[in-house]
C-alpha atoms as a PDB file:
ATOM      1  CA  UNK A   1     -26.599  17.874  26.578  1.00  0.00           C
ATOM      2  CA  UNK A   2     -26.978  16.937  22.924  1.00  0.00           C
ATOM      3  CA  UNK A   3     -26.250  13.466  21.535  1.00  0.00           C
ATOM      4  CA  UNK A   4     -22.751  14.162  20.217  1.00  0.00           C
ATOM      5  CA  UNK A   5     -21.137  15.485  23.467  1.00  0.00           C
ATOM      6  CA  UNK A   6     -22.910  12.776  25.452  1.00  0.00           C
ATOM      7  CA  UNK A   7     -21.559  10.096  23.102  1.00  0.00           C
ATOM      8  CA  UNK A   8     -18.038  11.554  23.341  1.00  0.00           C
ATOM      9  CA  UNK A   9     -18.285  11.554  27.125  1.00  0.00           C
ATOM     10  CA  UNK A  10     -19.519   7.954  27.118  1.00  0.00           C
ATOM     11  CA  UNK A  11     -16.655   6.864  24.838  1.00  0.00           C
ATOM     12  CA  UNK A  12     -14.113   8.660  27.031  1.00  0.00           C
ATOM     13  CA  UNK A  13     -15.574   7.004  30.133  1.00  0.00           C
ATOM     14  CA  UNK A  14     -15.473   3.570  28.474  1.00  0.00           C
ATOM     15  CA  UNK A  15     -11.817   4.036  27.492  1.00  0.00           C
ATOM     16  CA  UNK A  16     -10.943   5.109  31.031  1.00  0.00           C
ATOM     17  CA  UNK A  17     -12.785   2.122  32.514  1.00  0.00           C
ATOM     18  CA  UNK A  18     -10.992  -0.302  30.178  1.00  0.00           C
ATOM     19  CA  UNK A  19      -7.638   1.260  31.022  1.00  0.00           C
ATOM     20  CA  UNK A  20      -8.361   1.091  34.738  1.00  0.00           C
ATOM     21  CA  UNK A  21      -9.461  -2.536  34.480  1.00  0.00           C
ATOM     22  CA  UNK A  22      -6.239  -3.423  32.653  1.00  0.00           C
ATOM     23  CA  UNK A  23      -4.113  -1.617  35.227  1.00  0.00           C
ATOM     24  CA  UNK A  24      -5.954  -3.364  38.076  1.00  0.00           C
ATOM     25  CA  UNK A  25      -5.499  -6.872  36.683  1.00  0.00           C
ATOM     26  CA  UNK A  26      -5.257  -9.018  39.848  1.00  0.00           C
ATOM     27  CA  UNK A  27      -2.913 -11.557  38.241  1.00  0.00           C
ATOM     28  CA  UNK A  28      -0.505  -8.809  37.174  1.00  0.00           C
ATOM     29  CA  UNK A  29      -0.894  -7.041  40.498  1.00  0.00           C
ATOM     30  CA  UNK A  30      -0.007 -10.251  42.365  1.00  0.00           C
ATOM     31  CA  UNK A  31       3.010 -10.781  40.093  1.00  0.00           C
ATOM     32  CA  UNK A  32       4.230  -7.236  40.780  1.00  0.00           C
ATOM     33  CA  UNK A  33       3.778  -7.700  44.522  1.00  0.00           C
ATOM     34  CA  UNK A  34       5.692 -10.993  44.386  1.00  0.00           C
ATOM     35  CA  UNK A  35       8.717  -9.165  42.927  1.00  0.00           C
ATOM     36  CA  UNK A  36       9.159  -7.325  46.199  1.00  0.00           C
ATOM     37  CA  UNK A  37      11.048  -4.073  46.656  1.00  0.00           C
ATOM     38  CA  UNK A  38      13.950  -2.824  44.591  1.00  0.00           C
ATOM     39  CA  UNK A  39      17.371  -3.884  45.855  1.00  0.00           C
ATOM     40  CA  UNK A  40      18.844  -1.134  48.024  1.00  0.00           C
ATOM     41  CA  UNK A  41      21.421   1.042  46.281  1.00  0.00           C
ATOM     42  CA  UNK A  42      20.329   0.038  42.771  1.00  0.00           C
ATOM     43  CA  UNK A  43      18.712   2.876  40.872  1.00  0.00           C
ATOM     44  CA  UNK A  44      15.875   2.043  38.493  1.00  0.00           C
ATOM     45  CA  UNK A  45      17.378   1.768  35.043  1.00  0.00           C
ATOM     46  CA  UNK A  46      18.678  -0.786  32.584  1.00  0.00           C
ATOM     47  CA  UNK A  47      20.379  -2.897  35.245  1.00  0.00           C
ATOM     48  CA  UNK A  48      17.719  -2.947  37.952  1.00  0.00           C
ATOM     49  CA  UNK A  49      16.093  -6.241  38.948  1.00  0.00           C
ATOM     50  CA  UNK A  50      18.472  -8.534  37.011  1.00  0.00           C
ATOM     51  CA  UNK A  51      16.978 -11.930  36.284  1.00  0.00           C
ATOM     52  CA  UNK A  52      13.441 -10.921  37.191  1.00  0.00           C
ATOM     53  CA  UNK A  53      10.567 -11.012  34.658  1.00  0.00           C
ATOM     54  CA  UNK A  54      10.816  -7.558  33.034  1.00  0.00           C
ATOM     55  CA  UNK A  55       7.469  -7.784  31.264  1.00  0.00           C
ATOM     56  CA  UNK A  56       5.555  -7.961  34.543  1.00  0.00           C
ATOM     57  CA  UNK A  57       6.068  -4.197  34.915  1.00  0.00           C
ATOM     58  CA  UNK A  58       7.099  -3.159  31.408  1.00  0.00           C
ATOM     59  CA  UNK A  59       3.769  -4.135  29.845  1.00  0.00           C
ATOM     60  CA  UNK A  60       2.567  -0.661  28.845  1.00  0.00           C
ATOM     61  CA  UNK A  61      -0.522  -0.928  31.057  1.00  0.00           C
ATOM     62  CA  UNK A  62       0.369   1.826  33.506  1.00  0.00           C
ATOM     63  CA  UNK A  63       2.332   4.076  31.123  1.00  0.00           C
ATOM     64  CA  UNK A  64       5.500   4.220  33.169  1.00  0.00           C
ATOM     65  CA  UNK A  65       7.603   2.152  32.859  1.00  0.00           C
ATOM     66  CA  UNK A  66       7.294   1.967  29.106  1.00  0.00           C
ATOM     67  CA  UNK A  67       6.142  -1.145  27.270  1.00  0.00           C
ATOM     68  CA  UNK A  68       8.812  -3.606  26.129  1.00  0.00           C
ATOM     69  CA  UNK A  69       8.223  -6.081  23.289  1.00  0.00           C
ATOM     70  CA  UNK A  70      11.146  -8.270  24.366  1.00  0.00           C
ATOM     71  CA  UNK A  71      13.046  -8.036  27.636  1.00  0.00           C
ATOM     72  CA  UNK A  72      15.455  -9.946  29.798  1.00  0.00           C
ATOM     73  CA  UNK A  73      18.863  -9.897  31.413  1.00  0.00           C
ATOM     74  CA  UNK A  74      22.152 -10.836  29.796  1.00  0.00           C
ATOM     75  CA  UNK A  75      24.613 -12.223  32.296  1.00  0.00           C
ATOM     76  CA  UNK A  76      28.413 -12.349  32.091  1.00  0.00           C
ATOM     77  CA  UNK A  77      28.166 -16.019  33.152  1.00  0.00           C
ATOM     78  CA  UNK A  78      25.222 -18.108  34.238  1.00  0.00           C
ATOM     79  CA  UNK A  79      26.988 -19.140  37.418  1.00  0.00           C
ATOM     80  CA  UNK A  80      27.966 -15.676  38.671  1.00  0.00           C
ATOM     81  CA  UNK A  81      24.657 -14.059  37.677  1.00  0.00           C
ATOM     82  CA  UNK A  82      26.433 -10.721  37.115  1.00  0.00           C
ATOM     83  CA  UNK A  83      24.518  -8.572  34.618  1.00  0.00           C
ATOM     84  CA  UNK A  84      26.427  -7.769  31.422  1.00  0.00           C
ATOM     85  CA  UNK A  85      26.588  -3.950  31.233  1.00  0.00           C
ATOM     86  CA  UNK A  86      26.321  -2.065  27.934  1.00  0.00           C
ATOM     87  CA  UNK A  87      25.277  -5.140  25.913  1.00  0.00           C
ATOM     88  CA  UNK A  88      23.546  -4.508  22.613  1.00  0.00           C
ATOM     89  CA  UNK A  89      21.154  -7.088  21.168  1.00  0.00           C
ATOM     90  CA  UNK A  90      20.293  -6.771  17.482  1.00  0.00           C
END
């Protein structure tokens, strides 16, 4: 194997190792585990896991779910903790 293919293989391996290390971050893994399971009857989507820390999963490290720059839940009222559907934040 000549130098150029070997170098490309080494770079690809390094990128994969860095990606795997980021995905296996024990702090993030513990945070994901602490969230527990999805609530029964609630499909993953814009209203799943209301009030939970969205960026724990939506950090772009595992590719799906996608990375969010800003995330959170808007509630109709703070007391009722009912998510506000179809809200648009600009």
